[in-house]
């Protein structure tokens, strides 16, 4: 699957669930590899294009349940 498709699917599924207040009590589960790809893509996409490229310069994000570390900050 293309990384941008993962981003679209995850972000919009969560957004819809939050807007609707999760009326059915549904929770989402995503494959860890898809989450890692999505976070890596968002971490290299400028905020002007809906990403968060600037954030990893200020903080360091380290997953405890996947092989992922982004950023150079504290």
N, C-alpha and C. Protein backbone atom coordinates (compact mmCIF):
# COMPACT_ATOMS: atom_id res chain seq x y z
N UNK A 1 0.85 -1.17 0.00
CA UNK A 1 0.00 0.00 0.00
C UNK A 1 0.89 1.24 0.00
N UNK A 2 0.48 2.27 -0.70
CA UNK A 2 1.24 3.52 -0.73
C UNK A 2 1.14 4.22 0.62
N UNK A 3 2.22 4.86 1.03
CA UNK A 3 2.25 5.54 2.32
C UNK A 3 1.18 6.60 2.44
N UNK A 4 0.95 7.36 1.36
CA UNK A 4 -0.05 8.43 1.43
C UNK A 4 -1.46 7.87 1.60
N UNK A 5 -1.70 6.66 1.14
CA UNK A 5 -3.00 6.02 1.33
C UNK A 5 -3.18 5.65 2.79
N UNK A 6 -2.11 5.14 3.42
CA UNK A 6 -2.17 4.84 4.86
C UNK A 6 -2.51 6.09 5.64
N UNK A 7 -1.84 7.20 5.34
CA UNK A 7 -2.09 8.46 6.04
C UNK A 7 -3.55 8.86 5.87
N UNK A 8 -4.01 8.84 4.65
CA UNK A 8 -5.40 9.26 4.38
C UNK A 8 -6.37 8.38 5.16
N UNK A 9 -6.18 7.08 5.09
CA UNK A 9 -7.11 6.16 5.75
C UNK A 9 -7.12 6.35 7.26
N UNK A 10 -5.95 6.43 7.86
CA UNK A 10 -5.89 6.56 9.32
C UNK A 10 -6.39 7.91 9.81
N UNK A 11 -5.91 8.96 9.21
CA UNK A 11 -6.29 10.30 9.67
C UNK A 11 -7.78 10.53 9.51
N UNK A 12 -8.33 10.18 8.37
CA UNK A 12 -9.74 10.45 8.14
C UNK A 12 -10.66 9.51 8.92
N UNK A 13 -10.22 8.28 9.14
CA UNK A 13 -11.03 7.37 9.96
C UNK A 13 -11.10 7.87 11.39
N UNK A 14 -9.96 8.31 11.92
CA UNK A 14 -9.95 8.83 13.30
C UNK A 14 -10.71 10.14 13.40
N UNK A 15 -10.56 10.99 12.40
CA UNK A 15 -11.28 12.27 12.41
C UNK A 15 -12.79 12.04 12.40
N UNK A 16 -13.24 11.16 11.55
CA UNK A 16 -14.67 10.87 11.49
C UNK A 16 -15.17 10.30 12.81
N UNK A 17 -14.40 9.43 13.41
CA UNK A 17 -14.80 8.83 14.68
C UNK A 17 -14.87 9.89 15.78
N UNK A 18 -13.93 10.82 15.78
CA UNK A 18 -13.93 11.88 16.80
C UNK A 18 -15.07 12.86 16.60
N UNK A 19 -15.33 13.22 15.35
CA UNK A 19 -16.43 14.14 15.06
C UNK A 19 -17.75 13.52 15.48
N UNK A 20 -17.90 12.26 15.24
CA UNK A 20 -19.13 11.56 15.58
C UNK A 20 -19.16 11.13 17.04
N UNK A 21 -18.08 11.36 17.77
CA UNK A 21 -18.03 10.99 19.18
C UNK A 21 -18.02 9.48 19.41
N UNK A 22 -17.59 8.73 18.42
CA UNK A 22 -17.56 7.26 18.50
C UNK A 22 -18.90 6.71 19.00
N UNK A 23 -19.98 7.05 18.29
CA UNK A 23 -21.31 6.67 18.77
C UNK A 23 -21.54 5.17 18.90
N UNK A 24 -20.79 4.37 18.15
CA UNK A 24 -20.96 2.93 18.23
C UNK A 24 -19.92 2.29 19.15
N UNK A 25 -19.09 3.12 19.76
CA UNK A 25 -18.06 2.60 20.64
C UNK A 25 -16.95 1.87 19.91
N UNK A 26 -16.82 2.10 18.63
CA UNK A 26 -15.80 1.41 17.84
C UNK A 26 -14.43 2.02 18.08
N UNK A 27 -13.44 1.18 18.14
CA UNK A 27 -12.06 1.64 18.20
C UNK A 27 -11.35 1.14 16.96
N UNK A 28 -10.30 1.83 16.59
CA UNK A 28 -9.56 1.46 15.39
C UNK A 28 -8.25 0.80 15.76
N UNK A 29 -7.89 -0.19 14.99
CA UNK A 29 -6.59 -0.85 15.14
C UNK A 29 -5.95 -0.87 13.76
N UNK A 30 -4.70 -0.45 13.73
CA UNK A 30 -3.97 -0.39 12.46
C UNK A 30 -2.73 -1.27 12.57
N UNK A 31 -2.32 -1.88 11.48
CA UNK A 31 -1.09 -2.68 11.51
C UNK A 31 0.09 -1.79 11.90
N UNK A 32 0.93 -2.25 12.82
CA UNK A 32 2.08 -1.43 13.25
C UNK A 32 2.94 -0.94 12.09
N UNK A 33 3.13 -1.77 11.07
CA UNK A 33 3.97 -1.34 9.94
C UNK A 33 3.33 -0.16 9.22
N UNK A 34 2.02 -0.15 9.12
CA UNK A 34 1.33 0.97 8.46
C UNK A 34 1.43 2.24 9.30
N UNK A 35 1.36 2.10 10.62
CA UNK A 35 1.49 3.26 11.51
C UNK A 35 2.90 3.84 11.40
N UNK A 36 3.91 2.98 11.39
CA UNK A 36 5.30 3.44 11.27
C UNK A 36 5.50 4.17 9.94
N UNK A 37 5.02 3.60 8.85
CA UNK A 37 5.14 4.26 7.53
C UNK A 37 4.45 5.62 7.55
N UNK A 38 3.27 5.66 8.15
CA UNK A 38 2.50 6.90 8.21
C UNK A 38 3.24 7.97 9.00
N UNK A 39 3.76 7.60 10.16
CA UNK A 39 4.48 8.58 10.97
C UNK A 39 5.75 9.06 10.29
N UNK A 40 6.45 8.16 9.63
CA UNK A 40 7.66 8.56 8.90
C UNK A 40 7.32 9.52 7.77
N UNK A 41 6.25 9.25 7.05
CA UNK A 41 5.83 10.14 5.97
C UNK A 41 5.43 11.50 6.51
N UNK A 42 4.64 11.52 7.57
CA UNK A 42 4.22 12.78 8.16
C UNK A 42 5.42 13.57 8.69
N UNK A 43 6.43 12.86 9.17
CA UNK A 43 7.61 13.50 9.72
C UNK A 43 8.51 14.13 8.67
N UNK A 44 8.30 13.80 7.41
CA UNK A 44 9.09 14.41 6.35
C UNK A 44 8.25 15.27 5.40
N UNK A 45 6.98 15.45 5.74
CA UNK A 45 6.08 16.28 4.94
C UNK A 45 5.90 17.63 5.63
N UNK A 46 6.12 18.74 4.91
CA UNK A 46 5.97 20.06 5.53
C UNK A 46 4.56 20.30 6.06
N UNK A 47 4.48 21.08 7.12
CA UNK A 47 3.18 21.42 7.71
C UNK A 47 2.26 22.08 6.68
N UNK A 48 2.83 22.82 5.77
CA UNK A 48 2.04 23.48 4.73
C UNK A 48 1.29 22.47 3.86
N UNK A 49 1.75 21.24 3.85
CA UNK A 49 1.10 20.19 3.07
C UNK A 49 0.41 19.17 3.97
N UNK A 50 0.14 19.53 5.23
CA UNK A 50 -0.58 18.66 6.14
C UNK A 50 0.29 17.72 6.94
N UNK A 51 1.59 17.92 6.90
CA UNK A 51 2.50 17.06 7.63
C UNK A 51 3.00 17.72 8.90
N UNK A 52 4.09 17.18 9.40
CA UNK A 52 4.66 17.69 10.66
C UNK A 52 6.18 17.71 10.59
N UNK A 53 6.72 18.04 9.42
CA UNK A 53 8.16 17.99 9.21
C UNK A 53 8.92 18.84 10.24
N UNK A 54 8.34 19.94 10.63
CA UNK A 54 9.02 20.84 11.55
C UNK A 54 9.04 20.32 12.99
N UNK A 55 8.09 19.48 13.36
CA UNK A 55 8.00 18.97 14.73
C UNK A 55 9.20 18.14 15.16
N UNK A 56 9.66 17.17 14.35
CA UNK A 56 10.80 16.36 14.80
C UNK A 56 12.08 17.16 15.03
N UNK A 57 12.15 18.39 14.54
CA UNK A 57 13.32 19.22 14.81
C UNK A 57 13.28 19.73 16.25
N UNK A 58 12.10 19.76 16.86
CA UNK A 58 11.94 20.29 18.22
C UNK A 58 11.81 19.21 19.28
N UNK A 59 11.39 18.02 18.90
CA UNK A 59 11.19 16.93 19.86
C UNK A 59 11.73 15.63 19.28
N UNK A 60 11.87 14.63 20.11
CA UNK A 60 12.24 13.29 19.65
C UNK A 60 11.10 12.36 20.05
N UNK A 61 10.57 11.67 19.08
CA UNK A 61 9.48 10.72 19.31
C UNK A 61 10.05 9.31 19.18
N UNK A 62 9.87 8.49 20.20
CA UNK A 62 10.38 7.12 20.18
C UNK A 62 9.23 6.18 20.54
N UNK A 63 8.96 5.25 19.66
CA UNK A 63 7.90 4.26 19.91
C UNK A 63 8.42 3.21 20.88
N UNK A 64 7.54 2.75 21.73
CA UNK A 64 7.90 1.67 22.65
C UNK A 64 7.46 0.31 22.14
N UNK A 65 6.66 0.31 21.07
CA UNK A 65 6.12 -0.95 20.57
C UNK A 65 6.41 -1.18 19.08
N UNK A 66 7.32 -0.37 18.53
CA UNK A 66 7.68 -0.51 17.11
C UNK A 66 9.07 0.06 16.91
N UNK A 67 9.68 -0.28 15.80
CA UNK A 67 11.02 0.22 15.48
C UNK A 67 10.86 1.60 14.83
N UNK A 68 10.74 2.61 15.68
CA UNK A 68 10.54 3.96 15.16
C UNK A 68 11.09 4.98 16.14
N UNK A 69 11.91 5.86 15.62
CA UNK A 69 12.40 7.03 16.36
C UNK A 69 12.50 8.16 15.36
N UNK A 70 11.87 9.28 15.67
CA UNK A 70 11.87 10.44 14.79
C UNK A 70 12.33 11.65 15.58
N UNK A 71 13.07 12.50 14.94
CA UNK A 71 13.43 13.78 15.53
C UNK A 71 14.76 13.80 16.22
N UNK A 72 15.20 15.03 16.48
CA UNK A 72 16.50 15.24 17.10
C UNK A 72 16.38 16.04 18.38
N UNK A 73 15.20 16.44 18.75
CA UNK A 73 15.01 17.26 19.94
C UNK A 73 15.00 16.42 21.21
N UNK A 74 14.67 17.08 22.33
CA UNK A 74 14.61 16.37 23.62
C UNK A 74 13.45 15.40 23.70
